[in-house]
PDB file of N, CA and C in Angstrom:
ATOM      1  N   MET A   1     -22.813  98.133  24.393  1.00  0.00           N
ATOM      2  CA  MET A   1     -22.983  98.051  22.968  1.00  0.00           C
ATOM      3  C   MET A   1     -21.825  97.283  22.354  1.00  0.00           C
ATOM      4  N   ASP A   2     -22.117  96.378  21.442  1.00  0.00           N
ATOM      5  CA  ASP A   2     -21.080  95.592  20.788  1.00  0.00           C
ATOM      6  C   ASP A   2     -20.360  96.410  19.729  1.00  0.00           C
ATOM      7  N   LYS A   3     -19.094  96.099  19.553  1.00  0.00           N
ATOM      8  CA  LYS A   3     -18.313  96.753  18.507  1.00  0.00           C
ATOM      9  C   LYS A   3     -18.629  96.093  17.166  1.00  0.00           C
ATOM     10  N   ILE A   4     -18.459  96.845  16.071  1.00  0.00           N
ATOM     11  CA  ILE A   4     -18.610  96.237  14.764  1.00  0.00           C
ATOM     12  C   ILE A   4     -17.314  95.538  14.402  1.00  0.00           C
ATOM     13  N   SER A   5     -17.378  94.592  13.475  1.00  0.00           N
ATOM     14  CA  SER A   5     -16.200  93.840  13.064  1.00  0.00           C
ATOM     15  C   SER A   5     -15.985  94.022  11.562  1.00  0.00           C
ATOM     16  N   LEU A   6     -14.767  94.405  11.199  1.00  0.00           N
ATOM     17  CA  LEU A   6     -14.381  94.594   9.805  1.00  0.00           C
ATOM     18  C   LEU A   6     -13.108  93.801   9.530  1.00  0.00           C
ATOM     19  N   PRO A   7     -12.823  93.481   8.264  1.00  0.00           N
ATOM     20  CA  PRO A   7     -11.573  92.779   7.949  1.00  0.00           C
ATOM     21  C   PRO A   7     -10.354  93.635   8.310  1.00  0.00           C
ATOM     22  N   ASP A   8      -9.265  92.992   8.674  1.00  0.00           N
ATOM     23  CA  ASP A   8      -8.053  93.735   9.052  1.00  0.00           C
ATOM     24  C   ASP A   8      -7.259  94.147   7.810  1.00  0.00           C
ATOM     25  N   THR A   9      -7.922  94.890   6.937  1.00  0.00           N
ATOM     26  CA  THR A   9      -7.338  95.378   5.693  1.00  0.00           C
ATOM     27  C   THR A   9      -7.548  96.891   5.628  1.00  0.00           C
ATOM     28  N   CYS A  10      -7.262  97.480   4.481  1.00  0.00           N
ATOM     29  CA  CYS A  10      -7.427  98.930   4.320  1.00  0.00           C
ATOM     30  C   CYS A  10      -8.847  99.395   4.644  1.00  0.00           C
ATOM     31  N   LEU A  11      -9.838  98.555   4.431  1.00  0.00           N
ATOM     32  CA  LEU A  11     -11.226  98.931   4.688  1.00  0.00           C
ATOM     33  C   LEU A  11     -11.444  99.368   6.133  1.00  0.00           C
ATOM     34  N   SER A  12     -10.725  98.780   7.082  1.00  0.00           N
ATOM     35  CA  SER A  12     -10.908  99.116   8.495  1.00  0.00           C
ATOM     36  C   SER A  12      -9.878 100.130   9.004  1.00  0.00           C
ATOM     37  N   CYS A  13      -9.027 100.635   8.125  1.00  0.00           N
ATOM     38  CA  CYS A  13      -7.975 101.571   8.533  1.00  0.00           C
ATOM     39  C   CYS A  13      -8.520 102.997   8.612  1.00  0.00           C
ATOM     40  N   VAL A  14      -8.021 103.776   9.565  1.00  0.00           N
ATOM     41  CA  VAL A  14      -8.467 105.161   9.726  1.00  0.00           C
ATOM     42  C   VAL A  14      -7.943 106.067   8.612  1.00  0.00           C
ATOM     43  N   HIS A  15      -6.933 105.630   7.873  1.00  0.00           N
ATOM     44  CA  HIS A  15      -6.344 106.430   6.801  1.00  0.00           C
ATOM     45  C   HIS A  15      -7.035 106.207   5.453  1.00  0.00           C
ATOM     46  N   TYR A  16      -7.967 105.261   5.374  1.00  0.00           N
ATOM     47  CA  TYR A  16      -8.624 104.883   4.118  1.00  0.00           C
ATOM     48  C   TYR A  16      -9.848 105.748   3.864  1.00  0.00           C
ATOM     49  N   GLN A  17      -9.957 106.283   2.634  1.00  0.00           N
ATOM     50  CA  GLN A  17     -11.136 107.034   2.216  1.00  0.00           C
ATOM     51  C   GLN A  17     -11.696 106.379   0.966  1.00  0.00           C
ATOM     52  N   GLN A  18     -12.942 105.912   1.043  1.00  0.00           N
ATOM     53  CA  GLN A  18     -13.595 105.235  -0.077  1.00  0.00           C
ATOM     54  C   GLN A  18     -13.736 106.176  -1.273  1.00  0.00           C
ATOM     55  N   GLN A  19     -13.382 105.699  -2.484  1.00  0.00           N
ATOM     56  CA  GLN A  19     -13.487 106.500  -3.703  1.00  0.00           C
ATOM     57  C   GLN A  19     -14.558 105.969  -4.645  1.00  0.00           C
ATOM     58  N   GLY A  20     -14.708 104.656  -4.734  1.00  0.00           N
ATOM     59  CA  GLY A  20     -15.689 104.081  -5.656  1.00  0.00           C
ATOM     60  C   GLY A  20     -15.379 102.630  -5.957  1.00  0.00           C
ATOM     61  N   LEU A  21     -15.692 102.204  -7.180  1.00  0.00           N
ATOM     62  CA  LEU A  21     -15.472 100.829  -7.619  1.00  0.00           C
ATOM     63  C   LEU A  21     -14.539 100.830  -8.819  1.00  0.00           C
ATOM     64  N   LYS A  22     -13.711  99.787  -8.913  1.00  0.00           N
ATOM     65  CA  LYS A  22     -12.769  99.662 -10.023  1.00  0.00           C
ATOM     66  C   LYS A  22     -12.674  98.193 -10.405  1.00  0.00           C
ATOM     67  N   HIS A  23     -12.537  97.918 -11.708  1.00  0.00           N
ATOM     68  CA  HIS A  23     -12.402  96.539 -12.180  1.00  0.00           C
ATOM     69  C   HIS A  23     -11.137  95.916 -11.586  1.00  0.00           C
ATOM     70  N   ASP A  24     -11.263  94.691 -11.108  1.00  0.00           N
ATOM     71  CA  ASP A  24     -10.160  94.021 -10.419  1.00  0.00           C
ATOM     72  C   ASP A  24      -9.947  92.634 -11.005  1.00  0.00           C
ATOM     73  N   GLU A  25      -8.821  92.434 -11.671  1.00  0.00           N
ATOM     74  CA  GLU A  25      -8.495  91.127 -12.246  1.00  0.00           C
ATOM     75  C   GLU A  25      -8.210  90.075 -11.177  1.00  0.00           C
ATOM     76  N   LEU A  26      -7.845  90.500  -9.976  1.00  0.00           N
ATOM     77  CA  LEU A  26      -7.513  89.558  -8.901  1.00  0.00           C
ATOM     78  C   LEU A  26      -8.696  89.284  -7.977  1.00  0.00           C
ATOM     79  N   ALA A  27      -9.886  89.722  -8.360  1.00  0.00           N
ATOM     80  CA  ALA A  27     -11.072  89.497  -7.526  1.00  0.00           C
ATOM     81  C   ALA A  27     -11.380  88.003  -7.437  1.00  0.00           C
ATOM     82  N   LYS A  28     -12.145  87.659  -6.429  1.00  0.00           N
ATOM     83  CA  LYS A  28     -12.521  86.263  -6.202  1.00  0.00           C
ATOM     84  C   LYS A  28     -13.161  85.680  -7.466  1.00  0.00           C
ATOM     85  N   ARG A  29     -12.753  84.493  -7.848  1.00  0.00           N
ATOM     86  CA  ARG A  29     -13.236  83.868  -9.080  1.00  0.00           C
ATOM     87  C   ARG A  29     -14.268  82.765  -8.867  1.00  0.00           C
ATOM     88  N   LEU A  30     -14.535  82.404  -7.618  1.00  0.00           N
ATOM     89  CA  LEU A  30     -15.512  81.354  -7.325  1.00  0.00           C
ATOM     90  C   LEU A  30     -16.574  81.894  -6.378  1.00  0.00           C
ATOM     91  N   ASP A  31     -17.814  81.479  -6.573  1.00  0.00           N
ATOM     92  CA  ASP A  31     -18.859  81.888  -5.639  1.00  0.00           C
ATOM     93  C   ASP A  31     -18.841  80.969  -4.421  1.00  0.00           C
ATOM     94  N   TRP A  32     -19.781  81.170  -3.507  1.00  0.00           N
ATOM     95  CA  TRP A  32     -19.759  80.401  -2.260  1.00  0.00           C
ATOM     96  C   TRP A  32     -20.046  78.917  -2.469  1.00  0.00           C
ATOM     97  N   LEU A  33     -20.572  78.535  -3.634  1.00  0.00           N
ATOM     98  CA  LEU A  33     -20.798  77.119  -3.949  1.00  0.00           C
ATOM     99  C   LEU A  33     -19.633  76.501  -4.724  1.00  0.00           C
ATOM    100  N   GLY A  34     -18.647  77.330  -5.112  1.00  0.00           N
ATOM    101  CA  GLY A  34     -17.498  76.834  -5.841  1.00  0.00           C
ATOM    102  C   GLY A  34     -17.613  76.954  -7.350  1.00  0.00           C
ATOM    103  N   TYR A  35     -18.670  77.606  -7.834  1.00  0.00           N
ATOM    104  CA  TYR A  35     -18.839  77.803  -9.269  1.00  0.00           C
ATOM    105  C   TYR A  35     -18.058  79.030  -9.732  1.00  0.00           C
ATOM    106  N   PRO A  36     -17.483  78.977 -10.937  1.00  0.00           N
ATOM    107  CA  PRO A  36     -16.714  80.125 -11.425  1.00  0.00           C
ATOM    108  C   PRO A  36     -17.598  81.340 -11.712  1.00  0.00           C
ATOM    109  N   ILE A  37     -17.063  82.513 -11.419  1.00  0.00           N
ATOM    110  CA  ILE A  37     -17.749  83.771 -11.713  1.00  0.00           C
ATOM    111  C   ILE A  37     -16.773  84.691 -12.440  1.00  0.00           C
ATOM    112  N   PRO A  38     -17.268  85.623 -13.254  1.00  0.00           N
ATOM    113  CA  PRO A  38     -16.355  86.532 -13.961  1.00  0.00           C
ATOM    114  C   PRO A  38     -15.698  87.521 -12.999  1.00  0.00           C
ATOM    115  N   ALA A  39     -14.572  88.095 -13.448  1.00  0.00           N
ATOM    116  CA  ALA A  39     -13.905  89.130 -12.649  1.00  0.00           C
ATOM    117  C   ALA A  39     -14.875  90.282 -12.441  1.00  0.00           C
ATOM    118  N   LYS A  40     -14.781  90.941 -11.305  1.00  0.00           N
ATOM    119  CA  LYS A  40     -15.744  91.988 -10.997  1.00  0.00           C
ATOM    120  C   LYS A  40     -15.067  93.235 -10.466  1.00  0.00           C
ATOM    121  N   ARG A  41     -15.892  94.212 -10.194  1.00  0.00           N
ATOM    122  CA  ARG A  41     -15.387  95.471  -9.648  1.00  0.00           C
ATOM    123  C   ARG A  41     -15.306  95.359  -8.134  1.00  0.00           C
ATOM    124  N   GLN A  42     -14.273  95.967  -7.572  1.00  0.00           N
ATOM    125  CA  GLN A  42     -14.043  95.949  -6.130  1.00  0.00           C
ATOM    126  C   GLN A  42     -13.992  97.380  -5.611  1.00  0.00           C
ATOM    127  N   ARG A  43     -14.246  97.540  -4.331  1.00  0.00           N
ATOM    128  CA  ARG A  43     -14.103  98.853  -3.699  1.00  0.00           C
ATOM    129  C   ARG A  43     -12.645  99.289  -3.734  1.00  0.00           C
ATOM    130  N   PHE A  44     -12.428 100.561  -4.001  1.00  0.00           N
ATOM    131  CA  PHE A  44     -11.086 101.101  -3.896  1.00  0.00           C
ATOM    132  C   PHE A  44     -11.184 102.485  -3.275  1.00  0.00           C
ATOM    133  N   GLY A  45     -10.077 102.941  -2.740  1.00  0.00           N
ATOM    134  CA  GLY A  45     -10.064 104.240  -2.086  1.00  0.00           C
ATOM    135  C   GLY A  45      -8.671 104.831  -2.082  1.00  0.00           C
ATOM    136  N   TYR A  46      -8.531 105.881  -1.313  1.00  0.00           N
ATOM    137  CA  TYR A  46      -7.268 106.604  -1.215  1.00  0.00           C
ATOM    138  C   TYR A  46      -6.727 106.463   0.197  1.00  0.00           C
ATOM    139  N   CYS A  47      -5.452 106.093   0.308  1.00  0.00           N
ATOM    140  CA  CYS A  47      -4.788 105.990   1.606  1.00  0.00           C
ATOM    141  C   CYS A  47      -4.058 107.308   1.865  1.00  0.00           C
ATOM    142  N   GLN A  48      -4.465 108.003   2.914  1.00  0.00           N
ATOM    143  CA  GLN A  48      -3.836 109.283   3.242  1.00  0.00           C
ATOM    144  C   GLN A  48      -2.413 109.104   3.754  1.00  0.00           C
ATOM    145  N   LYS A  49      -2.139 107.976   4.368  1.00  0.00           N
ATOM    146  CA  LYS A  49      -0.811 107.742   4.943  1.00  0.00           C
ATOM    147  C   LYS A  49       0.230 107.462   3.860  1.00  0.00           C
ATOM    148  N   SER A  50      -0.096 106.582   2.902  1.00  0.00           N
ATOM    149  CA  SER A  50       0.863 106.257   1.844  1.00  0.00           C
ATOM    150  C   SER A  50       0.649 107.098   0.588  1.00  0.00           C
ATOM    151  N   GLU A  51      -0.403 107.921   0.581  1.00  0.00           N
ATOM    152  CA  GLU A  51      -0.738 108.786  -0.548  1.00  0.00           C
ATOM    153  C   GLU A  51      -0.825 107.996  -1.847  1.00  0.00           C
ATOM    154  N   ALA A  52      -1.621 106.917  -1.827  1.00  0.00           N
ATOM    155  CA  ALA A  52      -1.775 106.052  -2.997  1.00  0.00           C
ATOM    156  C   ALA A  52      -3.198 105.512  -3.048  1.00  0.00           C
ATOM    157  N   ASN A  53      -3.629 105.125  -4.256  1.00  0.00           N
ATOM    158  CA  ASN A  53      -4.910 104.444  -4.402  1.00  0.00           C
ATOM    159  C   ASN A  53      -4.719 102.996  -3.989  1.00  0.00           C
ATOM    160  N   VAL A  54      -5.694 102.454  -3.268  1.00  0.00           N
ATOM    161  CA  VAL A  54      -5.604 101.087  -2.758  1.00  0.00           C
ATOM    162  C   VAL A  54      -6.946 100.380  -2.924  1.00  0.00           C
ATOM    163  N   PHE A  55      -6.911  99.054  -3.106  1.00  0.00           N
ATOM    164  CA  PHE A  55      -8.122  98.262  -3.042  1.00  0.00           C
ATOM    165  C   PHE A  55      -8.434  98.002  -1.569  1.00  0.00           C
ATOM    166  N   TRP A  56      -9.677  97.711  -1.278  1.00  0.00           N
ATOM    167  CA  TRP A  56     -10.116  97.535   0.113  1.00  0.00           C
ATOM    168  C   TRP A  56      -9.419  96.377   0.807  1.00  0.00           C
ATOM    169  N   ASP A  57      -8.960  95.364   0.055  1.00  0.00           N
ATOM    170  CA  ASP A  57      -8.388  94.162   0.670  1.00  0.00           C
ATOM    171  C   ASP A  57      -6.859  94.173   0.717  1.00  0.00           C
ATOM    172  N   GLU A  58      -6.248  95.350   0.588  1.00  0.00           N
ATOM    173  CA  GLU A  58      -4.799  95.471   0.773  1.00  0.00           C
ATOM    174  C   GLU A  58      -4.502  95.743   2.248  1.00  0.00           C
ATOM    175  N   ARG A  59      -3.262  95.513   2.639  1.00  0.00           N
ATOM    176  CA  ARG A  59      -2.838  95.806   4.011  1.00  0.00           C
ATOM    177  C   ARG A  59      -1.385  96.246   3.988  1.00  0.00           C
ATOM    178  N   CYS A  60      -1.060  97.255   4.784  1.00  0.00           N
ATOM    179  CA  CYS A  60       0.328  97.722   4.848  1.00  0.00           C
ATOM    180  C   CYS A  60       0.794  97.740   6.298  1.00  0.00           C
ATOM    181  N   SER A  61       2.049  98.086   6.494  1.00  0.00           N
ATOM    182  CA  SER A  61       2.613  98.098   7.846  1.00  0.00           C
ATOM    183  C   SER A  61       2.097  99.276   8.674  1.00  0.00           C
ATOM    184  N   ARG A  62       1.456 100.250   8.042  1.00  0.00           N
ATOM    185  CA  ARG A  62       0.951 101.433   8.754  1.00  0.00           C
ATOM    186  C   ARG A  62      -0.529 101.324   9.120  1.00  0.00           C
ATOM    187  N   HIS A  63      -1.101 100.140   8.980  1.00  0.00           N
ATOM    188  CA  HIS A  63      -2.525  99.939   9.268  1.00  0.00           C
ATOM    189  C   HIS A  63      -2.830 100.266  10.725  1.00  0.00           C
ATOM    190  N   SER A  64      -3.854 101.087  10.940  1.00  0.00           N
ATOM    191  CA  SER A  64      -4.307 101.370  12.309  1.00  0.00           C
ATOM    192  C   SER A  64      -5.830 101.505  12.275  1.00  0.00           C
ATOM    193  N   SER A  65      -6.490 100.631  12.995  1.00  0.00           N
ATOM    194  CA  SER A  65      -7.949 100.647  13.004  1.00  0.00           C
ATOM    195  C   SER A  65      -8.473 101.476  14.167  1.00  0.00           C
ATOM    196  N   ASP A  66      -9.691 101.906  14.032  1.00  0.00           N
ATOM    197  CA  ASP A  66     -10.371 102.678  15.064  1.00  0.00           C
ATOM    198  C   ASP A  66     -10.524 101.802  16.311  1.00  0.00           C
ATOM    199  N   PRO A  67     -10.336 102.339  17.516  1.00  0.00           N
ATOM    200  CA  PRO A  67     -10.463 101.522  18.727  1.00  0.00           C
ATOM    201  C   PRO A  67     -11.876 100.979  18.942  1.00  0.00           C
ATOM    202  N   LEU A  68     -12.878 101.544  18.303  1.00  0.00           N
ATOM    203  CA  LEU A  68     -14.251 101.068  18.448  1.00  0.00           C
ATOM    204  C   LEU A  68     -14.607  99.975  17.454  1.00  0.00           C
ATOM    205  N   ILE A  69     -13.617  99.511  16.673  1.00  0.00           N
ATOM    206  CA  ILE A  69     -13.848  98.479  15.665  1.00  0.00           C
ATOM    207  C   ILE A  69     -13.019  97.245  15.986  1.00  0.00           C
ATOM    208  N   ASN A  70     -13.660  96.087  16.006  1.00  0.00           N
ATOM    209  CA  ASN A  70     -12.946  94.814  16.080  1.00  0.00           C
ATOM    210  C   ASN A  70     -12.558  94.427  14.662  1.00  0.00           C
ATOM    211  N   THR A  71     -11.381  93.855  14.485  1.00  0.00           N
ATOM    212  CA  THR A  71     -10.976  93.378  13.164  1.00  0.00           C
ATOM    213  C   THR A  71     -10.837  91.864  13.185  1.00  0.00           C
ATOM    214  N   HIS A  72     -11.065  91.256  12.036  1.00  0.00           N
ATOM    215  CA  HIS A  72     -10.898  89.808  11.902  1.00  0.00           C
ATOM    216  C   HIS A  72     -10.012  89.526  10.690  1.00  0.00           C
ATOM    217  N   ALA A  73      -9.388  88.365  10.682  1.00  0.00           N
ATOM    218  CA  ALA A  73      -8.450  88.000   9.617  1.00  0.00           C
ATOM    219  C   ALA A  73      -9.158  87.926   8.275  1.00  0.00           C
ATOM    220  N   CYS A  74      -8.443  88.337   7.244  1.00  0.00           N
ATOM    221  CA  CYS A  74      -8.977  88.339   5.882  1.00  0.00           C
ATOM    222  C   CYS A  74      -7.817  88.055   4.933  1.00  0.00           C
ATOM    223  N   PRO A  75      -8.032  87.260   3.876  1.00  0.00           N
ATOM    224  CA  PRO A  75      -6.941  87.031   2.922  1.00  0.00           C
ATOM    225  C   PRO A  75      -6.514  88.349   2.273  1.00  0.00           C
ATOM    226  N   VAL A  76      -5.222  88.545   2.169  1.00  0.00           N
ATOM    227  CA  VAL A  76      -4.675  89.781   1.599  1.00  0.00           C
ATOM    228  C   VAL A  76      -4.397  89.555   0.121  1.00  0.00           C
ATOM    229  N   ARG A  77      -4.655  90.557  -0.688  1.00  0.00           N
ATOM    230  CA  ARG A  77      -4.439  90.435  -2.134  1.00  0.00           C
ATOM    231  C   ARG A  77      -2.944  90.312  -2.433  1.00  0.00           C
ATOM    232  N   PRO A  78      -2.579  89.552  -3.460  1.00  0.00           N
ATOM    233  CA  PRO A  78      -1.170  89.321  -3.770  1.00  0.00           C
ATOM    234  C   PRO A  78      -0.467  90.510  -4.407  1.00  0.00           C
ATOM    235  N   LYS A  79      -1.220  91.423  -5.021  1.00  0.00           N
ATOM    236  CA  LYS A  79      -0.604  92.542  -5.737  1.00  0.00           C
ATOM    237  C   LYS A  79      -1.391  93.815  -5.452  1.00  0.00           C
ATOM    238  N   PRO A  80      -0.727  94.917  -5.066  1.00  0.00           N
ATOM    239  CA  PRO A  80      -1.445  96.158  -4.773  1.00  0.00           C
ATOM    240  C   PRO A  80      -1.927  96.864  -6.041  1.00  0.00           C
ATOM    241  N   LEU A  81      -2.869  97.775  -5.877  1.00  0.00           N
ATOM    242  CA  LEU A  81      -3.366  98.583  -6.997  1.00  0.00           C
ATOM    243  C   LEU A  81      -2.257  99.485  -7.531  1.00  0.00           C
ATOM    244  N   GLU A  82      -1.536 100.159  -6.636  1.00  0.00           N
ATOM    245  CA  GLU A  82      -0.396 101.002  -7.001  1.00  0.00           C
ATOM    246  C   GLU A  82       0.816 100.572  -6.180  1.00  0.00           C
ATOM    247  N   THR A  83       1.958 100.499  -6.821  1.00  0.00           N
ATOM    248  CA  THR A  83       3.190 100.152  -6.105  1.00  0.00           C
ATOM    249  C   THR A  83       3.595 101.320  -5.220  1.00  0.00           C
ATOM    250  N   ARG A  84       3.987 101.008  -3.991  1.00  0.00           N
ATOM    251  CA  ARG A  84       4.402 102.049  -3.062  1.00  0.00           C
ATOM    252  C   ARG A  84       5.471 101.496  -2.122  1.00  0.00           C
ATOM    253  N   GLN A  85       6.249 102.378  -1.563  1.00  0.00           N
ATOM    254  CA  GLN A  85       7.320 102.001  -0.646  1.00  0.00           C
ATOM    255  C   GLN A  85       6.795 102.078   0.788  1.00  0.00           C
ATOM    256  N   ASP A  86       6.918 100.984   1.538  1.00  0.00           N
ATOM    257  CA  ASP A  86       6.554 101.014   2.949  1.00  0.00           C
ATOM    258  C   ASP A  86       7.675 101.635   3.763  1.00  0.00           C
ATOM    259  N   VAL A  87       7.308 102.246   4.882  1.00  0.00           N
ATOM    260  CA  VAL A  87       8.303 102.819   5.791  1.00  0.00           C
ATOM    261  C   VAL A  87       9.045 101.671   6.458  1.00  0.00           C
ATOM    262  N   LEU A  88      10.366 101.733   6.468  1.00  0.00           N
ATOM    263  CA  LEU A  88      11.163 100.641   7.008  1.00  0.00           C
ATOM    264  C   LEU A  88      11.546 100.834   8.465  1.00  0.00           C
ATOM    265  N   PHE A  89      11.311 102.013   9.018  1.00  0.00           N
ATOM    266  CA  PHE A  89      11.641 102.241  10.423  1.00  0.00           C
ATOM    267  C   PHE A  89      10.570 103.043  11.088  1.00  0.00           C
TER     268      PHE A  89
END
């Protein structure tokens, strides 16, 4: 059986719990043809490891995906939903 593939962001992390949708000013502004689109709502959830709300396309140093999931590269958002301190050691 083939593994599923998810972006290597919070969405594929074992610590991420989906909460719902939230308006995102940093959401993609162009459609697949290059035409402008309005800002939209994005998936957001709760990270149990950092104890913070996160958008699905964030990534931190504590990311750990399930061994049954393949991950692929994904652009990371420039600014997190909530500011948090990463573990330095």
